[in-house]
Amino acid sequence: MPINALVTGGGGFLGRTIVEQLLARGDRVTVFSRGHYPDVEQAGAKLIQGDLVDSKSIREACAGSDLVFHVAAKAGLWGSWESFYQPNVTGTQYVIDACIQQGVPKLVYTSSPSVIFDNHPHRGVDESYPYPDTYESFYAHTKAIGEQLVLEANSPGLLTTTLRPHIIWGPRDTQIIPRLVARAQAGKLVQVGDGSNKVGMCYVDDAARAHLQAAEALSPDSPVAGSTYFITHEEPVILWDFVNDLLARLDVPPVKRQISLPLARALGGVLEWGFRTFKLDGEPRLTRFLASELAIDHYYDIGRAKRDFGFSPQVSIEEGLARTVEYFKKEM
């Protein structure tokens, strides 16, 4: 039976894929987004423009929804605490409040494994791994607070769950792949560490599918209610081998320069200090958080998602690369 689903951030990379999968199975979809996306409307979704920090707008958008996917967030490596806190924490609380006020029974929140990143290698860790005491990223910190708010809101009246897809990639990516390619083409992409670190990744179609599967399994007697889940491919990739393979397929020169993690973190710290002290525009090319992410193992156990709602990645790394390269060759 079709449902009424609201997707915040439904015009973005992951959100749009969730919208498409909902529409494909016959659901009625409303997108809540700051931007205007005519192609989303043409696909069959209703579009409501608004801001997460406007409680009235999000409350009105939630009216009549059977399910809310809260995907929208401020991502990125740089910005003020307030610029991350308002959308990622205040906005998430507004979504929770709106769901309760409008009688929405289910809320699925898109989180990130960065909420537990503590500068130590993560090798197949599961959801029992604790939040760190301190954070080097405002994004990671505010997403962690948002995740906890959603989990604490779980109740018979509002069933909630949170998903942590890691390094979402694929066609239409507007962040990771375009930045990698641009820096490589400019000769500014530098390998951090010895190049052997492994990371877990998640193709965008699989990340979206996991959201729909978790929502379907979300019921009062299900372990999904009040739980969080890592979402990745079955096996991690060697990060810098993957990067160079992708660049080669796109006819972009490979990464040739290398820097040690300690030096990269030191440089990142200096750049962070300089940008904050002198209030520079833009963002530093490197931060301590980014340096660690580029050099340390971080991959996760998806056993809980497989057990609780049957998640299983459907798109292999090779197939995902083929689709992604085909898309970006047309865009470049």
Protein backbone atom coordinates (compact mmCIF):
# COMPACT_ATOMS: atom_id res chain seq x y z
CA MET A 1 0.00 0.00 0.00
CA PRO A 2 1.48 3.39 -0.96
CA ILE A 3 2.57 5.67 1.86
CA ASN A 4 3.09 9.40 2.23
CA ALA A 5 6.81 9.99 2.73
CA LEU A 6 8.65 13.25 3.44
CA VAL A 7 12.33 13.47 2.55
CA THR A 8 14.28 16.41 3.92
CA GLY A 9 17.19 17.21 1.64
CA GLY A 10 15.47 15.29 -1.15
CA GLY A 11 17.21 17.35 -3.81
CA GLY A 12 20.68 16.26 -2.69
CA PHE A 13 22.85 13.31 -3.65
CA LEU A 14 21.50 10.66 -1.26
CA GLY A 15 18.10 12.30 -0.73
CA ARG A 16 17.28 12.33 -4.42
CA THR A 17 18.07 8.63 -4.72
CA ILE A 18 15.78 7.88 -1.77
CA VAL A 19 13.06 9.92 -3.47
CA GLU A 20 13.49 8.01 -6.73
CA GLN A 21 13.30 4.63 -5.00
CA LEU A 22 10.16 5.67 -3.11
CA LEU A 23 8.50 6.90 -6.30
CA ALA A 24 9.51 3.72 -8.13
CA ARG A 25 7.55 1.60 -5.68
CA GLY A 26 4.48 3.85 -5.92
CA ASP A 27 4.73 5.99 -2.78
CA ARG A 28 3.63 9.62 -2.60
CA VAL A 29 6.71 11.74 -1.88
CA THR A 30 7.19 15.26 -0.60
CA VAL A 31 10.63 16.86 -0.66
CA PHE A 32 11.57 19.54 1.87
CA SER A 33 14.59 21.46 0.65
CA ARG A 34 16.16 24.91 0.63
CA GLY A 35 16.71 24.79 -3.12
CA HIS A 36 14.34 24.45 -6.07
CA TYR A 37 14.68 21.22 -8.04
CA PRO A 38 12.38 21.12 -11.09
CA ASP A 39 13.64 17.66 -12.06
CA VAL A 40 12.50 16.30 -8.69
CA GLU A 41 9.02 17.70 -9.33
CA GLN A 42 9.03 16.34 -12.88
CA ALA A 43 9.82 12.89 -11.46
CA GLY A 44 6.58 13.05 -9.49
CA ALA A 45 7.49 14.42 -6.05
CA LYS A 46 5.93 17.45 -4.40
CA LEU A 47 8.51 20.09 -3.51
CA ILE A 48 8.31 22.36 -0.47
CA GLN A 49 11.04 24.96 -0.13
CA GLY A 50 12.02 25.80 3.39
CA ASP A 51 14.77 25.87 5.97
CA LEU A 52 15.42 23.33 8.72
CA VAL A 53 15.79 26.12 11.26
CA ASP A 54 12.25 27.33 10.52
CA SER A 55 10.13 25.22 12.85
CA LYS A 56 6.85 26.37 11.28
CA SER A 57 7.92 25.33 7.78
CA ILE A 58 9.07 21.87 8.80
CA ARG A 59 5.96 21.33 10.92
CA GLU A 60 3.74 22.16 7.94
CA ALA A 61 5.81 19.92 5.66
CA CYS A 62 5.36 16.95 8.02
CA ALA A 63 1.55 17.18 7.99
CA GLY A 64 -0.03 13.99 6.67
CA SER A 65 3.23 12.04 6.47
CA ASP A 66 3.42 8.37 7.37
CA LEU A 67 7.21 8.45 7.37
CA VAL A 68 9.97 11.06 7.44
CA PHE A 69 13.48 10.52 6.13
CA HIS A 70 15.61 13.25 7.67
CA VAL A 71 18.55 13.42 5.25
CA ALA A 72 19.24 17.17 5.11
CA ALA A 73 22.27 18.45 6.99
CA LYS A 74 25.15 20.87 6.74
CA ALA A 75 28.16 18.80 5.78
CA GLY A 76 31.73 19.89 5.20
CA LEU A 77 35.08 20.36 6.84
CA TRP A 78 34.90 24.02 7.71
CA GLY A 79 32.63 26.66 9.15
CA SER A 80 31.57 28.10 12.47
CA TRP A 81 30.10 26.03 15.26
CA GLU A 82 26.81 27.88 14.88
CA SER A 83 26.64 27.21 11.13
CA PHE A 84 26.73 23.47 11.84
CA TYR A 85 24.76 23.47 15.09
CA GLN A 86 21.69 25.29 13.78
CA PRO A 87 20.80 22.88 10.92
CA ASN A 88 22.26 19.68 12.37
CA VAL A 89 21.05 19.97 15.94
CA THR A 90 18.35 22.65 16.16
CA GLY A 91 16.97 21.58 12.77
CA THR A 92 16.89 17.93 13.81
CA GLN A 93 15.07 18.81 17.02
CA TYR A 94 12.53 20.73 14.95
CA VAL A 95 12.01 17.66 12.74
CA ILE A 96 11.47 15.49 15.82
CA ASP A 97 9.05 18.02 17.32
CA ALA A 98 7.17 18.30 14.02
CA CYS A 99 6.81 14.53 13.75
CA ILE A 100 5.36 14.37 17.25
CA GLN A 101 3.03 17.34 16.72
CA GLN A 102 1.76 16.02 13.38
CA GLY A 103 1.42 12.42 14.51
CA VAL A 104 4.05 11.02 12.14
CA PRO A 105 4.69 7.43 13.28
CA LYS A 106 8.20 6.84 11.83
CA LEU A 107 11.42 8.83 11.53
CA VAL A 108 14.61 7.61 9.82
CA TYR A 109 17.69 9.79 10.35
CA THR A 110 20.77 9.84 8.14
CA SER A 111 23.82 9.93 10.39
CA SER A 112 27.49 9.20 9.65
CA PRO A 113 30.28 7.00 11.03
CA SER A 114 32.18 10.23 11.66
CA VAL A 115 30.10 10.58 14.83
CA ILE A 116 32.41 8.03 16.46
CA PHE A 117 35.68 8.99 14.75
CA ASP A 118 38.37 9.42 17.41
CA ASN A 119 41.65 9.40 15.43
CA HIS A 120 42.13 5.70 16.13
CA PRO A 121 41.87 2.97 13.47
CA HIS A 122 38.39 1.49 13.15
CA ARG A 123 38.72 -2.02 11.79
CA GLY A 124 35.37 -3.75 11.56
CA VAL A 125 33.97 -2.03 14.65
CA ASP A 126 30.25 -2.36 15.35
CA GLU A 127 27.60 -0.02 16.73
CA SER A 128 28.70 -0.60 20.33
CA TYR A 129 31.76 1.58 19.71
CA PRO A 130 31.39 4.69 21.91
CA TYR A 131 31.21 8.33 20.97
CA PRO A 132 34.55 10.10 21.54
CA ASP A 133 35.07 12.56 24.38
CA THR A 134 36.21 15.30 21.99
CA TYR A 135 35.80 16.11 18.31
CA GLU A 136 38.01 17.83 15.73
CA SER A 137 35.10 18.35 13.33
CA PHE A 138 32.02 20.48 13.98
CA TYR A 139 30.17 18.38 11.41
CA ALA A 140 30.93 15.12 13.23
CA HIS A 141 30.12 16.62 16.63
CA THR A 142 26.78 18.12 15.60
CA LYS A 143 25.74 15.00 13.69
CA ALA A 144 26.47 12.98 16.84
CA ILE A 145 24.22 15.25 18.90
CA GLY A 146 21.51 15.00 16.24
CA GLU A 147 21.79 11.22 16.17
CA GLN A 148 21.41 11.02 19.93
CA LEU A 149 18.36 13.30 19.87
CA VAL A 150 16.67 11.03 17.32
CA LEU A 151 17.47 7.84 19.24
CA GLU A 152 16.27 9.36 22.51
CA ALA A 153 13.01 10.38 20.83
CA ASN A 154 12.10 6.77 20.04
CA SER A 155 8.77 5.94 21.63
CA PRO A 156 5.53 4.10 20.84
CA GLY A 157 4.23 7.33 19.30
CA LEU A 158 7.31 8.02 17.18
CA LEU A 159 9.49 5.10 16.16
CA THR A 160 12.99 6.22 15.21
CA THR A 161 16.17 4.72 13.82
CA THR A 162 19.46 6.14 12.54
CA LEU A 163 21.71 4.95 9.70
CA ARG A 164 25.42 5.62 9.28
CA PRO A 165 26.30 5.21 5.59
CA HIS A 166 30.03 5.70 5.03
CA ILE A 167 31.60 7.58 2.10
CA ILE A 168 28.53 7.59 -0.16
CA TRP A 169 29.64 7.59 -3.78
CA GLY A 170 28.33 7.13 -7.30
CA PRO A 171 26.92 9.14 -10.21
CA ARG A 172 25.67 12.66 -9.38
CA ASP A 173 28.05 12.98 -6.43
CA THR A 174 28.65 16.71 -6.01
CA GLN A 175 31.27 16.58 -3.28
CA ILE A 176 33.85 13.80 -2.99
CA ILE A 177 34.54 12.78 -6.60
CA PRO A 178 34.42 16.26 -8.16
CA ARG A 179 36.84 17.55 -5.52
CA LEU A 180 39.21 14.62 -5.99
CA VAL A 181 39.24 15.07 -9.74
CA ALA A 182 39.67 18.84 -9.58
CA ARG A 183 42.59 18.59 -7.19
CA ALA A 184 44.23 15.80 -9.16
CA GLN A 185 43.90 17.75 -12.40
CA ALA A 186 45.50 20.75 -10.73
CA GLY A 187 48.32 18.62 -9.32
CA LYS A 188 47.23 19.43 -5.77
CA LEU A 189 46.06 16.01 -4.61
CA VAL A 190 48.48 14.55 -2.06
CA GLN A 191 48.40 11.08 -0.52
CA VAL A 192 48.35 11.20 3.27
CA GLY A 193 50.02 8.24 4.97
CA ASP A 194 51.65 5.19 3.42
CA GLY A 195 48.66 4.40 1.19
CA SER A 196 47.73 1.11 2.81
CA ASN A 197 44.72 2.28 4.84
CA LYS A 198 41.38 0.61 4.23
CA VAL A 199 38.00 2.32 4.29
CA GLY A 200 34.42 1.20 4.08
CA MET A 201 32.34 2.80 1.31
CA CYS A 202 28.70 2.75 0.25
CA TYR A 203 27.33 3.09 -3.27
CA VAL A 204 24.49 5.61 -3.28
CA ASP A 205 21.80 3.18 -4.49
CA ASP A 206 22.63 0.80 -1.64
CA ALA A 207 22.63 3.63 0.91
CA ALA A 208 19.17 4.69 -0.24
CA ARG A 209 17.87 1.11 -0.29
CA ALA A 210 19.04 0.65 3.30
CA HIS A 211 16.90 3.62 4.35
CA LEU A 212 13.80 2.10 2.78
CA GLN A 213 14.51 -1.31 4.29
CA ALA A 214 15.05 0.14 7.76
CA ALA A 215 11.81 2.11 7.50
CA GLU A 216 9.86 -0.98 6.50
CA ALA A 217 11.25 -2.93 9.46
CA LEU A 218 10.61 -0.11 11.91
CA SER A 219 7.86 -1.33 14.23
CA PRO A 220 7.23 -1.34 17.99
CA ASP A 221 8.45 -4.91 18.41
CA SER A 222 11.43 -4.59 16.06
CA PRO A 223 15.06 -4.18 17.20
CA VAL A 224 15.31 -1.41 14.58
CA ALA A 225 13.36 0.98 16.82
CA GLY A 226 15.83 3.09 18.79
CA SER A 227 18.89 1.55 17.09
CA THR A 228 21.67 2.81 14.84
CA TYR A 229 23.30 0.98 11.91
CA PHE A 230 26.47 1.14 9.85
CA ILE A 231 25.82 0.90 6.11
CA THR A 232 28.73 0.04 3.76
CA HIS A 233 29.92 -2.45 1.17
CA GLU A 234 30.71 -5.92 2.50
CA GLU A 235 34.48 -5.39 2.24
CA PRO A 236 36.58 -2.25 2.58
CA VAL A 237 38.79 -0.88 -0.18
CA ILE A 238 42.37 0.32 0.01
CA LEU A 239 41.60 4.01 -0.20
CA TRP A 240 44.48 5.28 -2.32
CA ASP A 241 44.33 2.31 -4.70
CA PHE A 242 40.64 3.09 -5.21
CA VAL A 243 41.37 6.79 -5.77
CA ASN A 244 44.08 6.09 -8.34
CA ASP A 245 41.92 3.49 -10.11
CA LEU A 246 39.07 5.99 -10.38
CA LEU A 247 41.40 8.73 -11.65
CA ALA A 248 42.94 6.41 -14.24
CA ARG A 249 39.51 5.47 -15.58
CA LEU A 250 38.71 9.17 -15.89
CA ASP A 251 42.01 9.82 -17.70
CA VAL A 252 43.25 11.99 -14.83
CA PRO A 253 46.88 11.78 -13.64
CA PRO A 254 47.38 9.59 -10.53
CA VAL A 255 48.45 10.86 -7.13
CA LYS A 256 52.24 11.09 -7.03
CA ARG A 257 53.03 13.14 -3.94
CA GLN A 258 52.90 11.77 -0.41
CA ILE A 259 52.99 13.23 3.08
CA SER A 260 53.14 11.52 6.46
CA LEU A 261 50.13 11.63 8.76
CA PRO A 262 51.95 13.49 11.58
CA LEU A 263 53.11 16.19 9.17
CA ALA A 264 49.68 16.40 7.53
CA ARG A 265 47.99 16.85 10.91
CA ALA A 266 50.52 19.51 11.87
CA LEU A 267 49.90 21.39 8.64
CA GLY A 268 46.17 21.01 9.08
CA GLY A 269 46.39 22.46 12.58
CA VAL A 270 48.35 25.47 11.32
CA LEU A 271 45.85 26.09 8.52
CA GLU A 272 42.92 25.83 10.92
CA TRP A 273 44.56 28.34 13.26
CA GLY A 274 45.28 30.73 10.41
CA PHE A 275 41.76 30.61 8.99
CA ARG A 276 40.17 31.14 12.39
CA THR A 277 42.61 33.80 13.60
CA PHE A 278 42.51 35.90 10.44
CA LYS A 279 38.90 35.06 9.54
CA LEU A 280 39.89 34.00 6.04
CA ASP A 281 37.30 33.29 3.38
CA GLY A 282 36.81 29.79 2.00
CA GLU A 283 38.18 26.76 3.78
CA PRO A 284 41.62 25.30 4.45
CA ARG A 285 42.83 22.69 1.96
CA LEU A 286 43.64 20.40 4.88
CA THR A 287 42.40 19.97 8.45
CA ARG A 288 43.48 17.59 11.20
CA PHE A 289 40.23 15.65 10.84
CA LEU A 290 40.64 15.28 7.08
CA ALA A 291 44.27 14.23 7.42
CA SER A 292 43.32 11.42 9.77
CA GLU A 293 40.39 10.33 7.59
CA LEU A 294 42.74 10.06 4.60
CA ALA A 295 45.39 7.97 6.36
CA ILE A 296 43.74 5.79 9.01
CA ASP A 297 41.74 2.57 8.62
CA HIS A 298 38.02 3.13 9.12
CA TYR A 299 35.65 0.38 8.08
CA TYR A 300 32.66 -1.08 9.85
CA ASP A 301 30.71 -4.24 10.63
CA ILE A 302 27.30 -4.25 8.90
CA GLY A 303 26.16 -7.44 10.62
CA ARG A 304 23.45 -5.69 12.63
CA ALA A 305 21.86 -4.14 9.52
CA LYS A 306 21.94 -7.50 7.75
CA ARG A 307 20.33 -9.23 10.72
CA ASP A 308 17.71 -6.63 11.69
CA PHE A 309 16.37 -5.51 8.32
CA GLY A 310 18.03 -7.66 5.68
CA PHE A 311 20.45 -5.10 4.28
CA SER A 312 22.80 -6.50 1.66
CA PRO A 313 24.78 -4.35 -0.80
CA GLN A 314 23.59 -4.99 -4.35
CA VAL A 315 26.13 -2.96 -6.34
CA SER A 316 29.71 -4.22 -6.39
CA ILE A 317 32.68 -1.86 -6.33
CA GLU A 318 33.46 -2.74 -9.95
CA GLU A 319 29.91 -2.14 -11.15
CA GLY A 320 29.74 1.07 -9.15
CA LEU A 321 32.98 2.29 -10.69
CA ALA A 322 31.74 1.55 -14.19
CA ARG A 323 28.50 3.50 -13.62
CA THR A 324 30.32 6.37 -11.94
CA VAL A 325 33.00 6.71 -14.59
CA GLU A 326 30.40 6.65 -17.37
CA TYR A 327 28.51 9.48 -15.65
CA PHE A 328 31.49 11.71 -14.91
CA LYS A 329 33.05 11.27 -18.33
CA LYS A 330 29.92 12.88 -19.72
CA GLU A 331 30.10 15.66 -17.13
CA MET A 332 33.79 16.48 -17.46
